[in-house]
Amino acid sequence: MLAAIARTQFGRRCCSTKVMADGATKIITEKLKLASDGGDWKQAIGTFQHFVDAFPQSVEPYHANLVMRVCALNGRHREAKKVLHKMQQIGLRHLVDDAPPADAIAGLESKGLMCIALIENGRGHEALETLHSQVSNALAAAADKDKIRDTLNGLVYKPIIQTLKNKNDWKLTLTALHHMQEFGLPISLRGYRMLFLALARGRQNDKLVDVSTQVLKLRGDVLDVSTYTVLIKTLSARGEYDAVQRVLDHISATKPAQWLQTSTDTEFYNALIRAKMLEGDMNYCVARLAEMHTLDHLQPDAFAYTTCMLGHLNEEKYFAVVKLYTDMTSRGIKPSVLTLALVLRAVKRVPKKRKLVPEILDTLDNTPLETAEFVHSVIDSLEELGEVLACRTVFSRAMDEGLLGDWQKGLYAMNLHSFSKGSAKTAVECVLHAIADQPASVLKNELQDVKIITGKGRGSREYLKPVLKPEIKAMLLKHFRLISFSPPQNDGCLVIKKDHIQEWIAKRTTD
């Protein structure tokens, strides 16, 4: 009787413990998911450690991989290794050589996540070689190789390729794709597109042309609009115009007659127009732009017009630039800031069209500035036209939007070596006026020499013949009557002595 009672009480305690563990597991799993989705690796590690200490019997590969995933995304390879070590300590079966299929798959995912963590930490080559060895062993030992390949494709190499896309490392991307081919894994068109982009950024022209030729031969029957678009973009950006023509010939040979007009999109046409503009075939560009207006499923945007404007500007066909601008605005197409910069440059050379400037300036006030390069371009155009106030307005907007970076080192030092001529002049003017507008008491105690870093001309068209330095020096003398000089130890810098600045401020006040 007593033995039966004891067995009943023991069973109840075991059942109660199991219920408690199940409840805790659900809560901890949710916490791990939240930490993983939110990218909080510290929270994930802490929650996992508590889970292992309190309920080791409930830990599964899924929980460990949640932690590995967030560690991988943050490049925390040491923490990822600790998770693997902890899994081995508690005897998770997927780390054992004779693991059942489900656990072996989880183990491959863990190894893939560890590889991603090392890639994020700058140890990509080592990580890919280690993973290659591990995958080779897993395939050799697997009875169901197709299932292992499915896992490798979806849970291992796909996340790795995505990580490499963000790293812009063509060597690692090429290595990973070679490994996939070796293991018999299908490479998606997206994987090829990422490789094209990585090779273009890495300026690997020969490899880019070779891979594009192989893809046209091996996968030409299934290439889609997105892949053709990336091919044309990357090849033209690297000046490989013959390769671009081969892509177009391939389209003509493998696609229906009206495929270009019926199956492509605006982005494809934009890439095509840009490629031909870079090649100098403006008749083709204008024809494609006109063709876009005849197609119901797409309409040209500012990019297509701006690209054609740039081509005409390079050919010094300034009336054609203005004509395109008038056409796009009449159609209700909003210009970009680069569009306006090109039109202003054309107007400078067509005095009859100077009447367009007020309208362009009004449009500019409500046009997004987008990038620092576009800001420099439009300020240069405005400076050529003598629109000083407009230059300052655009410069102030760019400053407020944080587009120009950390160019100002306090009030008395500027680093302008990456600026254009117009932007550099505007920056110096703004700083000098900001100094002069300080209270007299501040100027008396804190006024310093102004230091302007212009660069030595290493990035100039003519090596070591700086562009900014003589321009700024001449502007300071002409508009501010300020003398500047380069110190003997730094030829890429201009200095204005505080005594000269003080004299200029005093004269400015009296005037």
Protein backbone atom coordinates (compact mmCIF):
# COMPACT_ATOMS: atom_id res chain seq x y z
CA MET A 1 0.00 0.00 0.00
CA LEU A 2 2.75 2.45 1.03
CA ALA A 3 4.78 1.51 -2.04
CA ALA A 4 1.79 2.24 -4.31
CA ILE A 5 1.26 5.64 -2.66
CA ALA A 6 4.96 6.44 -3.07
CA ARG A 7 4.88 5.48 -6.75
CA THR A 8 1.80 7.67 -7.27
CA GLN A 9 3.42 10.68 -5.57
CA PHE A 10 6.64 10.19 -7.56
CA GLY A 11 4.66 10.01 -10.79
CA ARG A 12 2.83 13.22 -9.92
CA ARG A 13 6.11 14.99 -9.16
CA CYS A 14 7.60 13.82 -12.48
CA CYS A 15 4.49 14.94 -14.35
CA SER A 16 4.59 18.31 -12.58
CA THR A 17 8.27 18.76 -13.45
CA LYS A 18 7.62 17.89 -17.09
CA VAL A 19 4.72 20.35 -17.30
CA MET A 20 6.92 23.05 -15.73
CA ALA A 21 9.74 22.31 -18.18
CA ASP A 22 7.37 22.38 -21.15
CA GLY A 23 5.96 25.74 -20.07
CA ALA A 24 9.41 27.20 -19.51
CA THR A 25 10.59 25.86 -22.89
CA LYS A 26 7.79 27.67 -24.70
CA ILE A 27 8.60 30.95 -22.93
CA ILE A 28 12.35 30.63 -23.53
CA THR A 29 11.82 29.70 -27.17
CA GLU A 30 9.77 32.84 -27.70
CA LYS A 31 12.50 34.92 -26.04
CA LEU A 32 15.11 33.36 -28.31
CA LYS A 33 12.99 34.10 -31.37
CA LEU A 34 12.53 37.73 -30.34
CA ALA A 35 16.26 38.16 -29.67
CA SER A 36 17.16 36.48 -32.96
CA ASP A 37 14.67 38.53 -35.01
CA GLY A 38 15.75 41.73 -33.28
CA GLY A 39 19.46 41.08 -33.81
CA ASP A 40 20.18 41.16 -30.05
CA TRP A 41 22.97 38.61 -29.73
CA LYS A 42 23.64 39.41 -26.06
CA GLN A 43 20.03 38.69 -25.11
CA ALA A 44 20.07 35.51 -27.20
CA ILE A 45 23.28 34.24 -25.57
CA GLY A 46 22.02 35.00 -22.05
CA THR A 47 18.66 33.33 -22.64
CA PHE A 48 20.29 30.26 -24.19
CA GLN A 49 22.75 29.93 -21.28
CA HIS A 50 19.88 30.07 -18.78
CA PHE A 51 17.96 27.49 -20.84
CA VAL A 52 20.91 25.08 -20.89
CA ASP A 53 21.54 25.46 -17.15
CA ALA A 54 17.89 25.08 -16.10
CA PHE A 55 16.43 22.61 -18.61
CA PRO A 56 19.27 20.87 -20.51
CA GLN A 57 16.99 17.97 -21.41
CA SER A 58 14.70 20.32 -23.36
CA VAL A 59 17.36 21.99 -25.51
CA GLU A 60 17.13 21.10 -29.20
CA PRO A 61 19.26 22.00 -32.25
CA TYR A 62 16.55 24.50 -33.27
CA HIS A 63 17.19 26.58 -30.14
CA ALA A 64 20.94 26.59 -30.65
CA ASN A 65 20.57 27.63 -34.28
CA LEU A 66 18.42 30.62 -33.29
CA VAL A 67 21.37 31.85 -31.25
CA MET A 68 23.90 30.92 -33.94
CA ARG A 69 21.90 32.88 -36.50
CA VAL A 70 21.98 36.16 -34.57
CA CYS A 71 25.66 35.62 -33.70
CA ALA A 72 26.42 35.08 -37.39
CA LEU A 73 24.65 38.27 -38.45
CA ASN A 74 26.68 40.26 -35.92
CA GLY A 75 30.00 38.60 -36.70
CA ARG A 76 30.27 37.12 -33.20
CA HIS A 77 32.21 34.00 -34.16
CA ARG A 78 33.62 33.44 -30.67
CA GLU A 79 30.14 33.44 -29.15
CA ALA A 80 28.97 31.11 -31.93
CA LYS A 81 31.80 28.72 -31.05
CA LYS A 82 30.75 28.81 -27.40
CA VAL A 83 27.23 27.81 -28.41
CA LEU A 84 28.64 24.87 -30.39
CA HIS A 85 30.78 23.87 -27.42
CA LYS A 86 27.80 24.06 -25.07
CA MET A 87 25.80 21.87 -27.45
CA GLN A 88 28.56 19.26 -27.35
CA GLN A 89 28.67 19.39 -23.55
CA ILE A 90 25.01 18.56 -23.19
CA GLY A 91 25.30 15.83 -25.80
CA LEU A 92 23.11 17.13 -28.60
CA ARG A 93 23.08 14.30 -31.12
CA HIS A 94 23.51 16.32 -34.29
CA LEU A 95 27.16 16.86 -33.39
CA VAL A 96 27.79 13.13 -33.26
CA ASP A 97 29.01 11.36 -36.38
CA ASP A 98 26.16 8.82 -36.41
CA ALA A 99 23.44 11.45 -35.95
CA PRO A 100 20.02 10.69 -37.42
CA PRO A 101 19.06 12.63 -40.59
CA ALA A 102 17.05 15.37 -38.89
CA ASP A 103 19.87 16.19 -36.47
CA ALA A 104 22.49 16.00 -39.22
CA ILE A 105 20.56 18.65 -41.16
CA ALA A 106 20.46 20.90 -38.09
CA GLY A 107 24.20 20.36 -37.72
CA LEU A 108 24.84 21.51 -41.29
CA GLU A 109 22.82 24.64 -40.64
CA SER A 110 24.91 25.30 -37.53
CA LYS A 111 28.12 24.95 -39.54
CA GLY A 112 26.73 27.33 -42.15
CA LEU A 113 25.88 29.89 -39.50
CA MET A 114 29.35 29.53 -38.01
CA CYS A 115 30.76 30.21 -41.49
CA ILE A 116 28.66 33.39 -41.77
CA ALA A 117 29.91 34.57 -38.37
CA LEU A 118 33.51 34.15 -39.53
CA ILE A 119 32.79 35.92 -42.85
CA GLU A 120 31.37 38.88 -40.94
CA ASN A 121 34.54 38.84 -38.83
CA GLY A 122 36.83 39.05 -41.86
CA ARG A 123 37.84 35.37 -41.95
CA GLY A 124 35.81 34.35 -44.99
CA HIS A 125 38.41 32.30 -46.88
CA GLU A 126 39.19 30.17 -43.84
CA ALA A 127 35.48 29.73 -43.09
CA LEU A 128 34.56 28.64 -46.64
CA GLU A 129 37.41 26.13 -46.81
CA THR A 130 36.42 24.66 -43.43
CA LEU A 131 32.79 24.44 -44.52
CA HIS A 132 33.84 22.82 -47.80
CA SER A 133 35.61 20.07 -45.88
CA GLN A 134 32.67 19.57 -43.51
CA VAL A 135 30.15 19.41 -46.36
CA SER A 136 32.31 16.96 -48.30
CA ASN A 137 32.38 14.65 -45.31
CA ALA A 138 28.63 15.01 -44.75
CA LEU A 139 27.84 14.12 -48.37
CA ALA A 140 30.23 11.18 -48.32
CA ALA A 141 28.56 9.74 -45.20
CA ALA A 142 24.96 10.48 -46.17
CA ALA A 143 22.62 7.79 -47.46
CA ASP A 144 20.12 10.32 -48.82
CA LYS A 145 22.41 12.75 -50.65
CA ASP A 146 19.52 14.59 -52.32
CA LYS A 147 18.09 15.56 -48.95
CA ILE A 148 21.49 16.81 -47.80
CA ARG A 149 21.82 18.84 -51.02
CA ASP A 150 18.42 20.42 -50.44
CA THR A 151 19.57 21.45 -46.96
CA LEU A 152 22.87 22.80 -48.27
CA ASN A 153 21.12 24.85 -50.91
CA GLY A 154 18.41 26.40 -48.71
CA LEU A 155 19.84 26.56 -45.19
CA VAL A 156 23.61 26.79 -45.75
CA TYR A 157 24.73 28.37 -49.02
CA LYS A 158 21.76 30.65 -49.70
CA PRO A 159 22.32 32.64 -46.44
CA ILE A 160 26.07 32.65 -47.15
CA ILE A 161 25.56 34.13 -50.64
CA GLN A 162 23.25 36.76 -49.16
CA THR A 163 25.92 37.67 -46.60
CA LEU A 164 28.54 37.95 -49.33
CA LYS A 165 26.27 40.29 -51.27
CA ASN A 166 26.46 42.75 -48.39
CA LYS A 167 30.26 42.33 -48.19
CA ASN A 168 30.82 43.02 -51.93
CA ASP A 169 33.65 40.46 -51.98
CA TRP A 170 33.92 38.94 -55.47
CA LYS A 171 36.59 36.42 -54.47
CA LEU A 172 34.51 34.89 -51.69
CA THR A 173 31.37 34.96 -53.84
CA LEU A 174 33.18 33.15 -56.66
CA THR A 175 34.60 30.59 -54.23
CA ALA A 176 31.19 29.87 -52.70
CA LEU A 177 29.61 29.39 -56.14
CA HIS A 178 32.44 27.08 -57.21
CA HIS A 179 31.82 24.98 -54.11
CA MET A 180 28.12 24.85 -54.91
CA GLN A 181 28.88 23.59 -58.42
CA GLU A 182 31.27 20.99 -57.02
CA PHE A 183 28.58 19.67 -54.66
CA GLY A 184 26.00 19.52 -57.43
CA LEU A 185 23.90 22.36 -56.03
CA PRO A 186 21.83 24.45 -58.45
CA ILE A 187 22.95 28.09 -58.65
CA SER A 188 20.00 30.42 -58.89
CA LEU A 189 19.87 33.34 -61.29
CA ARG A 190 19.96 35.58 -58.25
CA GLY A 191 23.28 34.00 -57.27
CA TYR A 192 24.69 34.80 -60.71
CA ARG A 193 23.38 38.37 -60.50
CA MET A 194 25.16 38.85 -57.19
CA LEU A 195 28.36 37.50 -58.74
CA PHE A 196 28.10 39.92 -61.67
CA LEU A 197 27.69 42.85 -59.27
CA ALA A 198 30.59 41.70 -57.07
CA LEU A 199 32.92 41.25 -60.08
CA ALA A 200 31.97 44.69 -61.43
CA ARG A 201 32.63 46.36 -58.08
CA GLY A 202 35.93 44.49 -57.87
CA ARG A 203 36.84 45.72 -61.39
CA GLN A 204 37.37 42.16 -62.57
CA ASN A 205 36.58 42.76 -66.24
CA ASP A 206 37.99 39.51 -67.62
CA LYS A 207 36.20 37.34 -65.08
CA LEU A 208 32.97 39.29 -65.55
CA VAL A 209 33.06 38.75 -69.32
CA ASP A 210 33.98 35.06 -68.91
CA VAL A 211 31.21 34.34 -66.43
CA SER A 212 28.63 36.24 -68.47
CA THR A 213 29.61 34.23 -71.58
CA GLN A 214 29.27 30.95 -69.65
CA VAL A 215 25.89 31.95 -68.26
CA LEU A 216 24.60 32.85 -71.73
CA LYS A 217 25.68 29.42 -72.97
CA LEU A 218 24.60 27.27 -70.02
CA ARG A 219 21.52 29.09 -68.76
CA GLY A 220 20.52 31.18 -71.74
CA ASP A 221 17.17 29.43 -72.10
CA VAL A 222 15.97 30.49 -68.65
CA LEU A 223 17.49 33.95 -68.24
CA ASP A 224 14.94 36.51 -67.02
CA VAL A 225 14.62 40.27 -67.35
CA SER A 226 16.35 40.94 -64.02
CA THR A 227 19.41 38.90 -65.02
CA TYR A 228 19.66 40.55 -68.44
CA THR A 229 19.35 43.94 -66.73
CA VAL A 230 22.21 43.23 -64.32
CA LEU A 231 24.35 41.84 -67.14
CA ILE A 232 23.90 44.99 -69.22
CA LYS A 233 24.46 47.27 -66.20
CA THR A 234 27.65 45.62 -65.00
CA LEU A 235 29.25 45.04 -68.42
CA SER A 236 28.59 48.61 -69.59
CA ALA A 237 29.83 50.05 -66.28
CA ARG A 238 33.16 48.30 -66.90
CA GLY A 239 33.31 49.49 -70.52
CA GLU A 240 32.72 46.04 -72.03
CA TYR A 241 30.48 47.21 -74.86
CA ASP A 242 31.17 44.23 -77.13
CA ALA A 243 29.96 41.94 -74.34
CA VAL A 244 26.82 44.09 -73.99
CA GLN A 245 26.16 43.63 -77.70
CA ARG A 246 26.54 39.86 -77.30
CA VAL A 247 23.85 39.97 -74.62
CA LEU A 248 21.54 41.86 -76.98
CA ASP A 249 22.34 39.40 -79.80
CA HIS A 250 21.50 36.54 -77.44
CA ILE A 251 18.14 38.14 -76.65
CA SER A 252 17.41 38.52 -80.37
CA ALA A 253 18.34 34.88 -81.02
CA THR A 254 16.51 33.25 -78.12
CA LYS A 255 13.49 35.43 -77.35
CA PRO A 256 10.34 36.15 -79.37
CA ALA A 257 10.43 39.03 -81.84
CA GLN A 258 8.55 41.50 -79.62
CA TRP A 259 10.04 40.32 -76.30
CA LEU A 260 11.83 43.62 -75.72
CA GLN A 261 8.62 45.61 -76.14
CA THR A 262 6.28 43.23 -74.28
CA SER A 263 8.25 41.48 -71.52
CA THR A 264 10.80 43.97 -70.17
CA ASP A 265 10.40 46.83 -67.71
CA THR A 266 11.55 50.39 -67.14
CA GLU A 267 14.71 49.29 -65.33
CA PHE A 268 15.76 47.16 -68.30
CA TYR A 269 15.25 50.07 -70.72
CA ASN A 270 17.17 52.38 -68.37
CA ALA A 271 20.11 49.97 -68.27
CA LEU A 272 20.03 49.64 -72.06
CA ILE A 273 19.92 53.40 -72.63
CA ARG A 274 22.76 53.97 -70.17
CA ALA A 275 24.90 51.27 -71.82
CA LYS A 276 24.47 52.79 -75.27
CA MET A 277 25.04 56.30 -73.91
CA LEU A 278 28.37 55.21 -72.44
CA GLU A 279 29.25 53.66 -75.78
CA GLY A 280 28.36 56.94 -77.50
CA ASP A 281 25.41 55.69 -79.57
CA MET A 282 22.97 58.51 -78.85
CA ASN A 283 20.71 57.73 -81.82
CA TYR A 284 19.96 54.35 -80.25
CA CYS A 285 19.32 55.98 -76.85
CA VAL A 286 16.87 58.55 -78.24
CA ALA A 287 15.08 55.84 -80.22
CA ARG A 288 14.63 53.66 -77.12
CA LEU A 289 13.41 56.66 -75.11
CA ALA A 290 10.81 57.43 -77.79
CA GLU A 291 9.84 53.76 -77.91
CA MET A 292 9.13 53.75 -74.17
CA HIS A 293 6.40 56.34 -74.72
CA THR A 294 4.61 53.96 -77.09
CA LEU A 295 4.42 51.07 -74.62
CA ASP A 296 1.41 50.83 -72.35
CA HIS A 297 3.02 48.73 -69.59
CA LEU A 298 5.91 51.11 -68.84
CA GLN A 299 6.75 54.80 -68.95
CA PRO A 300 10.14 56.54 -68.96
CA ASP A 301 11.29 58.15 -65.74
CA ALA A 302 13.82 60.82 -64.87
CA PHE A 303 16.69 58.32 -65.19
CA ALA A 304 16.11 57.70 -68.89
CA TYR A 305 15.84 61.40 -69.68
CA THR A 306 18.84 62.30 -67.54
CA THR A 307 20.98 59.63 -69.20
CA CYS A 308 20.13 61.00 -72.64
CA MET A 309 20.85 64.54 -71.42
CA LEU A 310 24.27 63.46 -70.19
CA GLY A 311 25.04 61.89 -73.56
CA HIS A 312 24.01 65.05 -75.43
CA LEU A 313 26.03 67.17 -73.01
CA ASN A 314 29.11 65.07 -73.72
CA GLU A 315 28.55 65.75 -77.42
CA GLU A 316 28.06 69.48 -76.69
CA LYS A 317 24.48 69.37 -78.02
CA TYR A 318 23.13 71.83 -75.50
CA PHE A 319 19.85 72.62 -77.28
CA ALA A 320 19.04 68.90 -77.26
CA VAL A 321 19.48 68.84 -73.47
CA VAL A 322 17.08 71.74 -72.99
CA LYS A 323 14.60 70.16 -75.42
CA LEU A 324 14.58 66.91 -73.44
CA TYR A 325 14.00 68.84 -70.20
CA THR A 326 11.05 70.71 -71.72
CA ASP A 327 9.61 67.43 -73.02
CA MET A 328 9.85 65.60 -69.69
CA THR A 329 8.31 68.44 -67.68
CA SER A 330 5.46 68.78 -70.18
CA ARG A 331 4.72 65.09 -69.64
CA GLY A 332 4.64 65.54 -65.86
CA ILE A 333 7.87 63.58 -65.22
CA LYS A 334 9.62 64.97 -62.15
CA PRO A 335 13.32 65.69 -62.71
CA SER A 336 16.00 64.46 -60.34
CA VAL A 337 18.63 66.76 -58.86
CA LEU A 338 21.12 65.41 -61.41
CA THR A 339 18.68 66.26 -64.20
CA LEU A 340 18.58 69.86 -62.99
CA ALA A 341 22.36 70.00 -62.72
CA LEU A 342 22.73 68.93 -66.36
CA VAL A 343 20.10 71.36 -67.60
CA LEU A 344 21.75 74.24 -65.72
CA ARG A 345 25.05 73.32 -67.33
CA ALA A 346 23.44 73.36 -70.76
CA VAL A 347 21.67 76.68 -70.08
CA LYS A 348 25.04 78.24 -69.25
CA ARG A 349 26.05 77.58 -72.85
CA VAL A 350 22.72 78.59 -74.41
CA PRO A 351 22.15 82.20 -73.29
CA LYS A 352 18.71 82.31 -74.95
CA LYS A 353 17.50 79.70 -72.46
CA ARG A 354 18.66 81.63 -69.38
CA LYS A 355 14.99 82.44 -68.74
CA LEU A 356 14.53 78.84 -67.55
CA VAL A 357 16.80 79.37 -64.51
CA PRO A 358 14.18 80.79 -62.08
CA GLU A 359 11.84 77.90 -62.85
CA ILE A 360 14.67 75.38 -62.38
CA LEU A 361 15.64 76.94 -59.04
CA ASP A 362 12.03 76.71 -57.81
CA THR A 363 11.96 73.03 -58.82
CA LEU A 364 15.31 72.46 -57.12
CA ASP A 365 13.92 73.67 -53.79
CA ASN A 366 11.50 70.72 -53.72
CA THR A 367 13.73 68.07 -55.31
CA PRO A 368 15.47 65.45 -53.09
CA LEU A 369 19.25 65.89 -53.11
CA GLU A 370 19.84 62.10 -52.85
CA THR A 371 23.67 61.84 -52.69
CA ALA A 372 26.77 63.93 -52.04
CA GLU A 373 27.88 63.44 -55.67
CA PHE A 374 24.63 64.94 -56.95
CA VAL A 375 24.95 67.83 -54.48
CA HIS A 376 28.44 68.62 -55.77
CA SER A 377 27.24 68.41 -59.36
CA VAL A 378 24.32 70.82 -58.94
CA ILE A 379 26.38 73.29 -56.88
CA ASP A 380 29.05 73.32 -59.60
CA SER A 381 26.38 74.08 -62.19
CA LEU A 382 24.92 76.88 -60.06
CA GLU A 383 28.37 78.32 -59.40
CA GLU A 384 29.09 78.45 -63.14
CA LEU A 385 25.92 80.53 -63.57
CA GLY A 386 26.90 82.84 -60.70
CA GLU A 387 23.92 81.76 -58.55
CA VAL A 388 25.78 82.18 -55.24
CA LEU A 389 22.69 82.33 -53.03
CA ALA A 390 21.32 79.13 -54.60
CA CYS A 391 24.69 77.44 -53.96
CA ARG A 392 24.49 78.31 -50.28
CA THR A 393 20.87 77.14 -50.07
CA VAL A 394 21.66 73.73 -51.57
CA PHE A 395 24.79 73.42 -49.42
CA SER A 396 22.80 74.18 -46.24
CA ARG A 397 20.17 71.60 -47.20
CA ALA A 398 22.86 68.99 -47.78
CA MET A 399 24.39 69.81 -44.40
CA ASP A 400 21.02 69.51 -42.63
CA GLU A 401 20.41 66.14 -44.32
CA GLY A 402 23.87 64.83 -43.37
CA LEU A 403 24.91 64.14 -46.97
CA LEU A 404 28.37 65.72 -46.89
CA GLY A 405 29.96 63.65 -44.17
CA ASP A 406 32.37 64.82 -41.47
CA TRP A 407 34.14 67.53 -43.47
CA GLN A 408 34.28 70.19 -40.75
CA LYS A 409 36.73 69.68 -37.89
CA GLY A 410 35.45 72.32 -35.51
CA LEU A 411 34.82 75.84 -36.74
CA TYR A 412 38.39 76.54 -37.85
CA ALA A 413 39.35 73.44 -39.82
CA MET A 414 37.90 71.93 -43.00
CA ASN A 415 38.69 68.80 -44.99
CA LEU A 416 37.51 69.50 -48.54
CA HIS A 417 39.65 67.09 -50.56
CA SER A 418 36.58 65.08 -51.67
CA PHE A 419 34.54 68.17 -52.61
CA SER A 420 34.01 69.61 -56.08
CA LYS A 421 35.17 73.14 -56.92
CA GLY A 422 31.77 74.73 -56.39
CA SER A 423 31.07 72.88 -53.14
CA ALA A 424 34.53 73.63 -51.76
CA LYS A 425 34.16 77.37 -52.45
CA THR A 426 30.67 77.40 -50.92
CA ALA A 427 31.93 75.53 -47.84
CA VAL A 428 34.73 78.07 -47.28
CA GLU A 429 32.31 81.00 -47.71
CA CYS A 430 29.85 79.50 -45.22
CA VAL A 431 32.57 78.88 -42.63
CA LEU A 432 34.04 82.36 -42.93
CA HIS A 433 30.62 83.97 -42.54
CA ALA A 434 29.88 81.71 -39.54
CA ILE A 435 33.15 82.82 -37.91
CA ALA A 436 32.41 86.50 -38.57
CA ASP A 437 28.89 86.21 -37.13
CA GLN A 438 30.15 85.16 -33.68
CA PRO A 439 29.90 87.63 -30.79
CA ALA A 440 32.84 90.00 -30.41
CA SER A 441 33.72 88.52 -27.00
CA VAL A 442 34.01 85.02 -28.51
CA LEU A 443 36.13 86.28 -31.40
CA LYS A 444 38.44 88.08 -29.01
CA ASN A 445 39.16 84.95 -26.96
CA GLU A 446 38.72 82.06 -29.40
CA LEU A 447 39.61 83.24 -32.92
CA GLN A 448 42.18 80.92 -34.54
CA ASP A 449 43.97 80.37 -37.82
CA VAL A 450 41.70 78.70 -40.38
CA LYS A 451 43.04 75.47 -41.87
CA ILE A 452 41.64 74.20 -45.19
CA ILE A 453 42.68 70.72 -46.40
CA THR A 454 42.43 70.70 -50.20
CA GLY A 455 44.48 67.64 -51.11
CA LYS A 456 47.70 67.37 -53.08
CA GLY A 457 46.06 66.45 -56.37
CA ARG A 458 46.57 62.69 -56.23
CA GLY A 459 43.01 62.23 -57.49
CA SER A 460 43.21 64.96 -60.14
CA ARG A 461 43.15 64.28 -63.86
CA GLU A 462 46.75 65.43 -63.98
CA TYR A 463 48.53 63.67 -61.13
CA LEU A 464 49.75 65.99 -58.36
CA LYS A 465 48.20 69.03 -60.04
CA PRO A 466 45.54 70.01 -57.50
CA VAL A 467 42.32 71.64 -58.65
CA LEU A 468 40.78 72.88 -55.39
CA LYS A 469 43.81 74.63 -53.93
CA PRO A 470 44.32 77.32 -56.64
CA GLU A 471 40.54 77.84 -56.95
CA ILE A 472 40.06 78.45 -53.22
CA LYS A 473 43.20 80.56 -52.95
CA ALA A 474 42.01 82.79 -55.80
CA MET A 475 38.49 83.05 -54.35
CA LEU A 476 39.79 84.05 -50.91
CA LEU A 477 41.88 86.81 -52.45
CA LYS A 478 39.20 88.06 -54.85
CA HIS A 479 36.09 88.01 -52.66
CA PHE A 480 37.49 88.32 -49.12
CA ARG A 481 40.89 90.01 -49.64
CA LEU A 482 42.34 87.20 -47.55
CA ILE A 483 45.85 85.86 -48.17
CA SER A 484 46.32 82.11 -47.72
CA PHE A 485 49.46 79.98 -47.85
CA SER A 486 50.57 76.36 -47.65
CA PRO A 487 52.82 75.41 -44.73
CA PRO A 488 56.16 73.81 -45.76
CA GLN A 489 55.23 70.47 -44.19
CA ASN A 490 51.84 70.15 -45.91
CA ASP A 491 51.43 71.21 -49.52
CA GLY A 492 47.83 69.93 -49.61
CA CYS A 493 46.61 72.51 -47.14
CA LEU A 494 45.84 76.23 -47.03
CA VAL A 495 46.12 78.37 -43.90
CA ILE A 496 44.59 81.80 -43.24
CA LYS A 497 46.20 83.60 -40.31
CA LYS A 498 43.81 84.81 -37.63
CA ASP A 499 45.18 88.36 -37.85
CA HIS A 500 44.05 88.56 -41.48
CA ILE A 501 40.64 87.15 -40.56
CA GLN A 502 40.34 89.72 -37.78
CA GLU A 503 41.11 92.55 -40.23
CA TRP A 504 38.53 91.19 -42.69
CA ILE A 505 35.86 90.98 -39.97
CA ALA A 506 36.61 94.52 -38.83
CA LYS A 507 36.35 95.88 -42.37
CA ARG A 508 33.18 93.82 -42.97
CA THR A 509 31.60 95.36 -39.88
CA THR A 510 32.42 98.93 -40.90
CA ASP A 511 31.20 98.34 -44.46
